[in-house]
């Protein structure tokens, strides 16, 4: 699965998604893009965006889009805080729900 990591997600998360093609926002050339613009760009090239921005589901509407946004709702965005969510994240990636925000806690 081709995955885009939002700028607020630590790059170290890539190592835990080894069976996937993982890009960061800067690698895609979209550093500094605002949420709406970033989502529109991402939806053209990536079926999944991973973020830690818990407000994003309340700010954007992706219904009908060919992208799933996974929100890792941890205490903070330190890799140590995100690691417990990895097993659930990997399960979620196996059955993507396009046009939806999936919040993992």
PDB file of N, CA and C in Angstrom:
ATOM      1  N   UNK A   1       0.844  -1.168   0.000  1.00  0.00           N
ATOM      2  CA  UNK A   1       0.000   0.000   0.000  1.00  0.00           C
ATOM      3  C   UNK A   1       0.895   1.240   0.000  1.00  0.00           C
ATOM      4  N   UNK A   2       0.543   2.220  -0.761  1.00  0.00           N
ATOM      5  CA  UNK A   2       1.280   3.481  -0.816  1.00  0.00           C
ATOM      6  C   UNK A   2       0.709   4.414   0.253  1.00  0.00           C
ATOM      7  N   UNK A   3       1.582   4.867   1.158  1.00  0.00           N
ATOM      8  CA  UNK A   3       1.166   5.637   2.329  1.00  0.00           C
ATOM      9  C   UNK A   3       1.929   6.948   2.392  1.00  0.00           C
ATOM     10  N   UNK A   4       1.224   8.013   2.773  1.00  0.00           N
ATOM     11  CA  UNK A   4       1.849   9.311   3.001  1.00  0.00           C
ATOM     12  C   UNK A   4       1.810   9.617   4.486  1.00  0.00           C
ATOM     13  N   UNK A   5       2.973   9.971   5.059  1.00  0.00           N
ATOM     14  CA  UNK A   5       3.050  10.388   6.462  1.00  0.00           C
ATOM     15  C   UNK A   5       2.992  11.902   6.529  1.00  0.00           C
ATOM     16  N   UNK A   6       2.050  12.418   7.292  1.00  0.00           N
ATOM     17  CA  UNK A   6       1.925  13.855   7.501  1.00  0.00           C
ATOM     18  C   UNK A   6       3.200  14.377   8.160  1.00  0.00           C
ATOM     19  N   UNK A   7       3.428  15.672   8.033  1.00  0.00           N
ATOM     20  CA  UNK A   7       4.635  16.280   8.593  1.00  0.00           C
ATOM     21  C   UNK A   7       4.733  16.134  10.109  1.00  0.00           C
ATOM     22  N   UNK A   8       3.603  15.984  10.784  1.00  0.00           N
ATOM     23  CA  UNK A   8       3.592  15.889  12.240  1.00  0.00           C
ATOM     24  C   UNK A   8       3.864  14.467  12.742  1.00  0.00           C
ATOM     25  N   UNK A   9       4.026  13.524  11.826  1.00  0.00           N
ATOM     26  CA  UNK A   9       4.293  12.124  12.187  1.00  0.00           C
ATOM     27  C   UNK A   9       5.802  11.886  12.101  1.00  0.00           C
ATOM     28  N   UNK A  10       6.408  11.299  13.135  1.00  0.00           N
ATOM     29  CA  UNK A  10       7.851  11.053  13.064  1.00  0.00           C
ATOM     30  C   UNK A  10       8.223  10.094  11.930  1.00  0.00           C
ATOM     31  N   UNK A  11       9.308  10.430  11.235  1.00  0.00           N
ATOM     32  CA  UNK A  11       9.772   9.605  10.110  1.00  0.00           C
ATOM     33  C   UNK A  11      10.120   8.182  10.541  1.00  0.00           C
ATOM     34  N   UNK A  12      10.455   8.001  11.806  1.00  0.00           N
ATOM     35  CA  UNK A  12      10.805   6.673  12.307  1.00  0.00           C
ATOM     36  C   UNK A  12       9.655   5.679  12.158  1.00  0.00           C
ATOM     37  N   UNK A  13       8.439   6.180  12.007  1.00  0.00           N
ATOM     38  CA  UNK A  13       7.294   5.296  11.834  1.00  0.00           C
ATOM     39  C   UNK A  13       7.422   4.469  10.556  1.00  0.00           C
ATOM     40  N   UNK A  14       8.145   4.998   9.572  1.00  0.00           N
ATOM     41  CA  UNK A  14       8.345   4.281   8.304  1.00  0.00           C
ATOM     42  C   UNK A  14       8.907   2.884   8.531  1.00  0.00           C
ATOM     43  N   UNK A  15       9.817   2.755   9.466  1.00  0.00           N
ATOM     44  CA  UNK A  15      10.443   1.474   9.750  1.00  0.00           C
ATOM     45  C   UNK A  15       9.484   0.419  10.264  1.00  0.00           C
ATOM     46  N   UNK A  16       8.341   0.833  10.759  1.00  0.00           N
ATOM     47  CA  UNK A  16       7.345  -0.097  11.291  1.00  0.00           C
ATOM     48  C   UNK A  16       6.277  -0.435  10.257  1.00  0.00           C
ATOM     49  N   UNK A  17       6.438   0.110   9.057  1.00  0.00           N
ATOM     50  CA  UNK A  17       5.490  -0.139   7.964  1.00  0.00           C
ATOM     51  C   UNK A  17       6.237  -0.721   6.769  1.00  0.00           C
ATOM     52  N   UNK A  18       7.133  -1.653   7.061  1.00  0.00           N
ATOM     53  CA  UNK A  18       8.073  -2.174   6.070  1.00  0.00           C
ATOM     54  C   UNK A  18       7.420  -2.795   4.835  1.00  0.00           C
ATOM     55  N   UNK A  19       6.235  -3.339   4.967  1.00  0.00           N
ATOM     56  CA  UNK A  19       5.588  -3.983   3.817  1.00  0.00           C
ATOM     57  C   UNK A  19       4.828  -3.003   2.945  1.00  0.00           C
ATOM     58  N   UNK A  20       5.003  -1.711   3.207  1.00  0.00           N
ATOM     59  CA  UNK A  20       4.289  -0.675   2.472  1.00  0.00           C
ATOM     60  C   UNK A  20       5.268   0.314   1.864  1.00  0.00           C
ATOM     61  N   UNK A  21       4.830   1.020   0.840  1.00  0.00           N
ATOM     62  CA  UNK A  21       5.625   2.093   0.241  1.00  0.00           C
ATOM     63  C   UNK A  21       5.251   3.381   0.970  1.00  0.00           C
ATOM     64  N   UNK A  22       6.158   3.857   1.812  1.00  0.00           N
ATOM     65  CA  UNK A  22       5.849   4.982   2.689  1.00  0.00           C
ATOM     66  C   UNK A  22       6.662   6.212   2.274  1.00  0.00           C
ATOM     67  N   UNK A  23       5.939   7.305   2.088  1.00  0.00           N
ATOM     68  CA  UNK A  23       6.532   8.597   1.748  1.00  0.00           C
ATOM     69  C   UNK A  23       6.207   9.584   2.858  1.00  0.00           C
ATOM     70  N   UNK A  24       7.067  10.578   3.034  1.00  0.00           N
ATOM     71  CA  UNK A  24       6.757  11.690   3.923  1.00  0.00           C
ATOM     72  C   UNK A  24       6.274  12.857   3.070  1.00  0.00           C
ATOM     73  N   UNK A  25       5.589  13.793   3.691  1.00  0.00           N
ATOM     74  CA  UNK A  25       5.110  14.971   2.973  1.00  0.00           C
ATOM     75  C   UNK A  25       6.275  15.705   2.298  1.00  0.00           C
ATOM     76  N   UNK A  26       7.406  15.949   2.990  1.00  0.00           N
ATOM     77  CA  UNK A  26       8.521  16.606   2.300  1.00  0.00           C
ATOM     78  C   UNK A  26       9.054  15.804   1.109  1.00  0.00           C
ATOM     79  N   UNK A  27       9.111  14.481   1.216  1.00  0.00           N
ATOM     80  CA  UNK A  27       9.564  13.658   0.089  1.00  0.00           C
ATOM     81  C   UNK A  27       8.647  13.823  -1.126  1.00  0.00           C
ATOM     82  N   UNK A  28       7.370  14.020  -0.865  1.00  0.00           N
ATOM     83  CA  UNK A  28       6.402  14.204  -1.950  1.00  0.00           C
ATOM     84  C   UNK A  28       6.477  15.619  -2.526  1.00  0.00           C
ATOM     85  N   UNK A  29       7.235  16.506  -1.867  1.00  0.00           N
ATOM     86  CA  UNK A  29       7.370  17.883  -2.338  1.00  0.00           C
ATOM     87  C   UNK A  29       6.269  18.809  -1.854  1.00  0.00           C
ATOM     88  N   UNK A  30       5.584  18.418  -0.773  1.00  0.00           N
ATOM     89  CA  UNK A  30       4.431  19.181  -0.300  1.00  0.00           C
ATOM     90  C   UNK A  30       4.626  19.785   1.080  1.00  0.00           C
ATOM     91  N   UNK A  31       5.850  19.971   1.503  1.00  0.00           N
ATOM     92  CA  UNK A  31       6.106  20.538   2.829  1.00  0.00           C
ATOM     93  C   UNK A  31       5.425  21.898   2.953  1.00  0.00           C
ATOM     94  N   UNK A  32       4.782  22.127   4.091  1.00  0.00           N
ATOM     95  CA  UNK A  32       4.148  23.405   4.354  1.00  0.00           C
ATOM     96  C   UNK A  32       2.753  23.578   3.770  1.00  0.00           C
ATOM     97  N   UNK A  33       2.261  22.594   3.035  1.00  0.00           N
ATOM     98  CA  UNK A  33       0.910  22.697   2.463  1.00  0.00           C
ATOM     99  C   UNK A  33      -0.128  22.613   3.584  1.00  0.00           C
ATOM    100  N   UNK A  34      -1.168  23.414   3.468  1.00  0.00           N
ATOM    101  CA  UNK A  34      -2.251  23.406   4.454  1.00  0.00           C
ATOM    102  C   UNK A  34      -3.097  22.152   4.286  1.00  0.00           C
ATOM    103  N   UNK A  35      -3.854  21.791   5.319  1.00  0.00           N
ATOM    104  CA  UNK A  35      -4.587  20.526   5.365  1.00  0.00           C
ATOM    105  C   UNK A  35      -5.461  20.258   4.143  1.00  0.00           C
ATOM    106  N   UNK A  36      -6.310  21.200   3.751  1.00  0.00           N
ATOM    107  CA  UNK A  36      -7.205  20.978   2.619  1.00  0.00           C
ATOM    108  C   UNK A  36      -6.460  20.742   1.329  1.00  0.00           C
ATOM    109  N   UNK A  37      -5.449  21.549   1.083  1.00  0.00           N
ATOM    110  CA  UNK A  37      -4.627  21.402  -0.127  1.00  0.00           C
ATOM    111  C   UNK A  37      -3.857  20.093  -0.070  1.00  0.00           C
ATOM    112  N   UNK A  38      -3.277  19.791   1.085  1.00  0.00           N
ATOM    113  CA  UNK A  38      -2.518  18.559   1.245  1.00  0.00           C
ATOM    114  C   UNK A  38      -3.395  17.335   1.002  1.00  0.00           C
ATOM    115  N   UNK A  39      -4.588  17.338   1.552  1.00  0.00           N
ATOM    116  CA  UNK A  39      -5.501  16.203   1.354  1.00  0.00           C
ATOM    117  C   UNK A  39      -5.855  16.024  -0.118  1.00  0.00           C
ATOM    118  N   UNK A  40      -6.118  17.107  -0.809  1.00  0.00           N
ATOM    119  CA  UNK A  40      -6.463  17.027  -2.235  1.00  0.00           C
ATOM    120  C   UNK A  40      -5.290  16.478  -3.039  1.00  0.00           C
ATOM    121  N   UNK A  41      -4.091  16.941  -2.742  1.00  0.00           N
ATOM    122  CA  UNK A  41      -2.901  16.431  -3.441  1.00  0.00           C
ATOM    123  C   UNK A  41      -2.673  14.962  -3.109  1.00  0.00           C
ATOM    124  N   UNK A  42      -2.766  14.627  -1.839  1.00  0.00           N
ATOM    125  CA  UNK A  42      -2.526  13.253  -1.391  1.00  0.00           C
ATOM    126  C   UNK A  42      -3.513  12.287  -2.030  1.00  0.00           C
ATOM    127  N   UNK A  43      -4.768  12.684  -2.132  1.00  0.00           N
ATOM    128  CA  UNK A  43      -5.802  11.805  -2.680  1.00  0.00           C
ATOM    129  C   UNK A  43      -5.530  11.424  -4.128  1.00  0.00           C
ATOM    130  N   UNK A  44      -4.748  12.224  -4.829  1.00  0.00           N
ATOM    131  CA  UNK A  44      -4.406  11.921  -6.219  1.00  0.00           C
ATOM    132  C   UNK A  44      -3.338  10.842  -6.338  1.00  0.00           C
ATOM    133  N   UNK A  45      -2.493  10.691  -5.313  1.00  0.00           N
ATOM    134  CA  UNK A  45      -1.347   9.778  -5.414  1.00  0.00           C
ATOM    135  C   UNK A  45      -1.250   8.716  -4.324  1.00  0.00           C
ATOM    136  N   UNK A  46      -1.958   8.920  -3.207  1.00  0.00           N
ATOM    137  CA  UNK A  46      -1.819   8.027  -2.059  1.00  0.00           C
ATOM    138  C   UNK A  46      -3.184   7.562  -1.575  1.00  0.00           C
ATOM    139  N   UNK A  47      -3.383   6.270  -1.396  1.00  0.00           N
ATOM    140  CA  UNK A  47      -4.647   5.790  -0.847  1.00  0.00           C
ATOM    141  C   UNK A  47      -4.773   5.994   0.660  1.00  0.00           C
ATOM    142  N   UNK A  48      -3.631   6.279   1.337  1.00  0.00           N
ATOM    143  CA  UNK A  48      -3.655   6.435   2.799  1.00  0.00           C
ATOM    144  C   UNK A  48      -2.771   7.608   3.214  1.00  0.00           C
ATOM    145  N   UNK A  49      -3.310   8.425   4.112  1.00  0.00           N
ATOM    146  CA  UNK A  49      -2.545   9.467   4.786  1.00  0.00           C
ATOM    147  C   UNK A  49      -2.591   9.151   6.274  1.00  0.00           C
ATOM    148  N   UNK A  50      -1.422   9.159   6.914  1.00  0.00           N
ATOM    149  CA  UNK A  50      -1.348   8.943   8.358  1.00  0.00           C
ATOM    150  C   UNK A  50      -0.961  10.264   9.006  1.00  0.00           C
ATOM    151  N   UNK A  51      -1.715  10.641  10.038  1.00  0.00           N
ATOM    152  CA  UNK A  51      -1.480  11.894  10.741  1.00  0.00           C
ATOM    153  C   UNK A  51      -1.671  11.691  12.241  1.00  0.00           C
ATOM    154  N   UNK A  52      -1.258  12.674  13.023  1.00  0.00           N
ATOM    155  CA  UNK A  52      -1.566  12.697  14.452  1.00  0.00           C
ATOM    156  C   UNK A  52      -2.453  13.901  14.768  1.00  0.00           C
ATOM    157  N   UNK A  53      -2.917  14.578  13.738  1.00  0.00           N
ATOM    158  CA  UNK A  53      -3.764  15.765  13.881  1.00  0.00           C
ATOM    159  C   UNK A  53      -5.192  15.338  14.221  1.00  0.00           C
ATOM    160  N   UNK A  54      -5.519  15.365  15.506  1.00  0.00           N
ATOM    161  CA  UNK A  54      -6.821  14.900  15.979  1.00  0.00           C
ATOM    162  C   UNK A  54      -7.969  15.811  15.546  1.00  0.00           C
ATOM    163  N   UNK A  55      -7.673  17.026  15.141  1.00  0.00           N
ATOM    164  CA  UNK A  55      -8.713  17.966  14.710  1.00  0.00           C
ATOM    165  C   UNK A  55      -9.097  17.788  13.243  1.00  0.00           C
ATOM    166  N   UNK A  56      -8.259  17.138  12.470  1.00  0.00           N
ATOM    167  CA  UNK A  56      -8.482  17.023  11.030  1.00  0.00           C
ATOM    168  C   UNK A  56      -9.858  16.461  10.656  1.00  0.00           C
ATOM    169  N   UNK A  57     -10.356  15.417  11.333  1.00  0.00           N
ATOM    170  CA  UNK A  57     -11.684  14.905  10.960  1.00  0.00           C
ATOM    171  C   UNK A  57     -12.811  15.923  11.139  1.00  0.00           C
ATOM    172  N   UNK A  58     -12.594  16.904  12.000  1.00  0.00           N
ATOM    173  CA  UNK A  58     -13.608  17.925  12.247  1.00  0.00           C
ATOM    174  C   UNK A  58     -13.459  19.123  11.312  1.00  0.00           C
ATOM    175  N   UNK A  59     -12.315  19.199  10.631  1.00  0.00           N
ATOM    176  CA  UNK A  59     -12.032  20.340   9.767  1.00  0.00           C
ATOM    177  C   UNK A  59     -12.211  20.041   8.284  1.00  0.00           C
ATOM    178  N   UNK A  60     -12.153  18.775   7.907  1.00  0.00           N
ATOM    179  CA  UNK A  60     -12.161  18.409   6.496  1.00  0.00           C
ATOM    180  C   UNK A  60     -13.221  17.352   6.215  1.00  0.00           C
ATOM    181  N   UNK A  61     -13.669  17.295   4.980  1.00  0.00           N
ATOM    182  CA  UNK A  61     -14.624  16.282   4.540  1.00  0.00           C
ATOM    183  C   UNK A  61     -13.993  15.528   3.380  1.00  0.00           C
ATOM    184  N   UNK A  62     -13.807  14.218   3.542  1.00  0.00           N
ATOM    185  CA  UNK A  62     -13.205  13.421   2.471  1.00  0.00           C
ATOM    186  C   UNK A  62     -14.175  12.359   1.956  1.00  0.00           C
ATOM    187  N   UNK A  63     -15.416  12.478   2.332  1.00  0.00           N
ATOM    188  CA  UNK A  63     -16.420  11.516   1.883  1.00  0.00           C
ATOM    189  C   UNK A  63     -16.444  11.489   0.353  1.00  0.00           C
ATOM    190  N   UNK A  64     -16.377  10.285  -0.198  1.00  0.00           N
ATOM    191  CA  UNK A  64     -16.359  10.109  -1.646  1.00  0.00           C
ATOM    192  C   UNK A  64     -14.975  10.179  -2.261  1.00  0.00           C
ATOM    193  N   UNK A  65     -13.963  10.510  -1.482  1.00  0.00           N
ATOM    194  CA  UNK A  65     -12.591  10.572  -1.993  1.00  0.00           C
ATOM    195  C   UNK A  65     -11.973   9.184  -1.944  1.00  0.00           C
ATOM    196  N   UNK A  66     -10.962   8.964  -2.757  1.00  0.00           N
ATOM    197  CA  UNK A  66     -10.261   7.672  -2.802  1.00  0.00           C
ATOM    198  C   UNK A  66      -9.033   7.726  -1.893  1.00  0.00           C
ATOM    199  N   UNK A  67      -9.271   8.093  -0.628  1.00  0.00           N
ATOM    200  CA  UNK A  67      -8.201   8.140   0.366  1.00  0.00           C
ATOM    201  C   UNK A  67      -8.807   7.828   1.728  1.00  0.00           C
ATOM    202  N   UNK A  68      -8.023   7.152   2.543  1.00  0.00           N
ATOM    203  CA  UNK A  68      -8.377   6.932   3.940  1.00  0.00           C
ATOM    204  C   UNK A  68      -7.358   7.713   4.766  1.00  0.00           C
ATOM    205  N   UNK A  69      -7.832   8.470   5.741  1.00  0.00           N
ATOM    206  CA  UNK A  69      -6.938   9.197   6.634  1.00  0.00           C
ATOM    207  C   UNK A  69      -6.972   8.501   7.985  1.00  0.00           C
ATOM    208  N   UNK A  70      -5.804   8.046   8.423  1.00  0.00           N
ATOM    209  CA  UNK A  70      -5.683   7.384   9.718  1.00  0.00           C
ATOM    210  C   UNK A  70      -5.103   8.393  10.699  1.00  0.00           C
ATOM    211  N   UNK A  71      -5.850   8.638  11.762  1.00  0.00           N
ATOM    212  CA  UNK A  71      -5.414   9.557  12.812  1.00  0.00           C
ATOM    213  C   UNK A  71      -4.903   8.723  13.981  1.00  0.00           C
ATOM    214  N   UNK A  72      -3.630   8.866  14.281  1.00  0.00           N
ATOM    215  CA  UNK A  72      -3.041   8.176  15.423  1.00  0.00           C
ATOM    216  C   UNK A  72      -3.231   9.082  16.639  1.00  0.00           C
ATOM    217  N   UNK A  73      -4.227   8.773  17.448  1.00  0.00           N
ATOM    218  CA  UNK A  73      -4.621   9.621  18.577  1.00  0.00           C
ATOM    219  C   UNK A  73      -3.882   9.207  19.845  1.00  0.00           C
ATOM    220  N   UNK A  74      -2.600   9.447  19.845  1.00  0.00           N
ATOM    221  CA  UNK A  74      -1.764   9.138  21.011  1.00  0.00           C
ATOM    222  C   UNK A  74      -1.634  10.391  21.880  1.00  0.00           C
ATOM    223  N   UNK A  75      -0.992  10.221  23.016  1.00  0.00           N
ATOM    224  CA  UNK A  75      -0.779  11.332  23.948  1.00  0.00           C
ATOM    225  C   UNK A  75       0.016  12.459  23.286  1.00  0.00           C
ATOM    226  N   UNK A  76       0.997  12.078  22.466  1.00  0.00           N
ATOM    227  CA  UNK A  76       1.808  13.051  21.725  1.00  0.00           C
ATOM    228  C   UNK A  76       2.328  12.357  20.463  1.00  0.00           C
ATOM    229  N   UNK A  77       3.166  13.027  19.704  1.00  0.00           N
ATOM    230  CA  UNK A  77       3.639  12.427  18.459  1.00  0.00           C
ATOM    231  C   UNK A  77       5.040  11.817  18.571  1.00  0.00           C
ATOM    232  N   UNK A  78       5.476  11.534  19.793  1.00  0.00           N
ATOM    233  CA  UNK A  78       6.744  10.812  19.972  1.00  0.00           C
ATOM    234  C   UNK A  78       6.562   9.378  19.488  1.00  0.00           C
ATOM    235  N   UNK A  79       7.578   8.838  18.876  1.00  0.00           N
ATOM    236  CA  UNK A  79       7.483   7.481  18.332  1.00  0.00           C
ATOM    237  C   UNK A  79       7.110   6.480  19.427  1.00  0.00           C
ATOM    238  N   UNK A  80       7.614   6.688  20.650  1.00  0.00           N
ATOM    239  CA  UNK A  80       7.301   5.777  21.748  1.00  0.00           C
ATOM    240  C   UNK A  80       5.804   5.780  22.070  1.00  0.00           C
ATOM    241  N   UNK A  81       5.161   6.904  21.911  1.00  0.00           N
ATOM    242  CA  UNK A  81       3.717   7.002  22.157  1.00  0.00           C
ATOM    243  C   UNK A  81       2.909   6.366  21.033  1.00  0.00           C
ATOM    244  N   UNK A  82       3.466   6.359  19.828  1.00  0.00           N
ATOM    245  CA  UNK A  82       2.755   5.825  18.670  1.00  0.00           C
ATOM    246  C   UNK A  82       2.915   4.317  18.511  1.00  0.00           C
ATOM    247  N   UNK A  83       3.992   3.753  19.020  1.00  0.00           N
ATOM    248  CA  UNK A  83       4.269   2.321  18.826  1.00  0.00           C
ATOM    249  C   UNK A  83       3.142   1.397  19.275  1.00  0.00           C
ATOM    250  N   UNK A  84       2.456   1.665  20.400  1.00  0.00           N
ATOM    251  CA  UNK A  84       1.360   0.769  20.782  1.00  0.00           C
ATOM    252  C   UNK A  84       0.204   0.742  19.767  1.00  0.00           C
ATOM    253  N   UNK A  85       0.119   1.738  18.912  1.00  0.00           N
ATOM    254  CA  UNK A  85      -0.952   1.797  17.915  1.00  0.00           C
ATOM    255  C   UNK A  85      -0.603   1.055  16.619  1.00  0.00           C
ATOM    256  N   UNK A  86       0.646   0.636  16.471  1.00  0.00           N
ATOM    257  CA  UNK A  86       1.103   0.015  15.216  1.00  0.00           C
ATOM    258  C   UNK A  86       0.320  -1.258  14.876  1.00  0.00           C
ATOM    259  N   UNK A  87       0.098  -2.190  15.795  1.00  0.00           N
ATOM    260  CA  UNK A  87      -0.659  -3.389  15.406  1.00  0.00           C
ATOM    261  C   UNK A  87      -2.051  -3.060  14.851  1.00  0.00           C
ATOM    262  N   UNK A  88      -2.745  -2.145  15.497  1.00  0.00           N
ATOM    263  CA  UNK A  88      -4.074  -1.745  15.023  1.00  0.00           C
ATOM    264  C   UNK A  88      -3.970  -1.006  13.686  1.00  0.00           C
ATOM    265  N   UNK A  89      -2.926  -0.203  13.519  1.00  0.00           N
ATOM    266  CA  UNK A  89      -2.690   0.492  12.252  1.00  0.00           C
ATOM    267  C   UNK A  89      -2.494  -0.508  11.119  1.00  0.00           C
ATOM    268  N   UNK A  90      -1.685  -1.527  11.349  1.00  0.00           N
ATOM    269  CA  UNK A  90      -1.432  -2.525  10.308  1.00  0.00           C
ATOM    270  C   UNK A  90      -2.710  -3.272   9.925  1.00  0.00           C
ATOM    271  N   UNK A  91      -3.557  -3.576  10.908  1.00  0.00           N
ATOM    272  CA  UNK A  91      -4.849  -4.210  10.618  1.00  0.00           C
ATOM    273  C   UNK A  91      -5.723  -3.289   9.767  1.00  0.00           C
ATOM    274  N   UNK A  92      -5.735  -2.023  10.123  1.00  0.00           N
ATOM    275  CA  UNK A  92      -6.541  -1.034   9.400  1.00  0.00           C
ATOM    276  C   UNK A  92      -6.082  -0.908   7.954  1.00  0.00           C
ATOM    277  N   UNK A  93      -4.781  -0.978   7.728  1.00  0.00           N
ATOM    278  CA  UNK A  93      -4.242  -0.866   6.376  1.00  0.00           C
ATOM    279  C   UNK A  93      -4.635  -2.063   5.506  1.00  0.00           C
ATOM    280  N   UNK A  94      -4.911  -3.195   6.134  1.00  0.00           N
ATOM    281  CA  UNK A  94      -5.314  -4.380   5.378  1.00  0.00           C
ATOM    282  C   UNK A  94      -6.704  -4.238   4.761  1.00  0.00           C
ATOM    283  N   UNK A  95      -7.539  -3.412   5.360  1.00  0.00           N
ATOM    284  CA  UNK A  95      -8.901  -3.206   4.864  1.00  0.00           C
ATOM    285  C   UNK A  95      -9.211  -1.717   4.844  1.00  0.00           C
ATOM    286  N   UNK A  96      -8.626  -0.984   3.879  1.00  0.00           N
ATOM    287  CA  UNK A  96      -8.822   0.470   3.844  1.00  0.00           C
ATOM    288  C   UNK A  96     -10.285   0.860   3.646  1.00  0.00           C
ATOM    289  N   UNK A  97     -10.657   1.922   4.320  1.00  0.00           N
ATOM    290  CA  UNK A  97     -12.015   2.462   4.218  1.00  0.00           C
ATOM    291  C   UNK A  97     -11.905   3.849   3.581  1.00  0.00           C
ATOM    292  N   UNK A  98     -11.922   3.861   2.256  1.00  0.00           N
ATOM    293  CA  UNK A  98     -11.731   5.107   1.525  1.00  0.00           C
ATOM    294  C   UNK A  98     -12.856   6.077   1.801  1.00  0.00           C
ATOM    295  N   UNK A  99     -12.514   7.359   1.836  1.00  0.00           N
ATOM    296  CA  UNK A  99     -13.492   8.401   2.121  1.00  0.00           C
ATOM    297  C   UNK A  99     -13.806   8.552   3.589  1.00  0.00           C
ATOM    298  N   UNK A 100     -12.967   7.948   4.438  1.00  0.00           N
ATOM    299  CA  UNK A 100     -13.212   7.990   5.885  1.00  0.00           C
ATOM    300  C   UNK A 100     -11.962   8.391   6.643  1.00  0.00           C
ATOM    301  N   UNK A 101     -12.201   8.996   7.814  1.00  0.00           N
ATOM    302  CA  UNK A 101     -11.175   9.206   8.815  1.00  0.00           C
ATOM    303  C   UNK A 101     -11.286   8.027   9.791  1.00  0.00           C
ATOM    304  N   UNK A 102     -10.179   7.372  10.058  1.00  0.00           N
ATOM    305  CA  UNK A 102     -10.145   6.278  11.011  1.00  0.00           C
ATOM    306  C   UNK A 102      -9.261   6.713  12.159  1.00  0.00           C
ATOM    307  N   UNK A 103      -9.835   6.841  13.338  1.00  0.00           N
ATOM    308  CA  UNK A 103      -9.097   7.303  14.507  1.00  0.00           C
ATOM    309  C   UNK A 103      -8.701   6.096  15.339  1.00  0.00           C
ATOM    310  N   UNK A 104      -7.405   5.950  15.564  1.00  0.00           N
ATOM    311  CA  UNK A 104      -6.884   4.830  16.352  1.00  0.00           C
ATOM    312  C   UNK A 104      -6.388   5.376  17.692  1.00  0.00           C
ATOM    313  N   UNK A 105      -6.878   4.755  18.773  1.00  0.00           N
ATOM    314  CA  UNK A 105      -6.481   5.185  20.113  1.00  0.00           C
ATOM    315  C   UNK A 105      -5.836   4.063  20.879  1.00  0.00           C
TER     316      UNK A 105
END
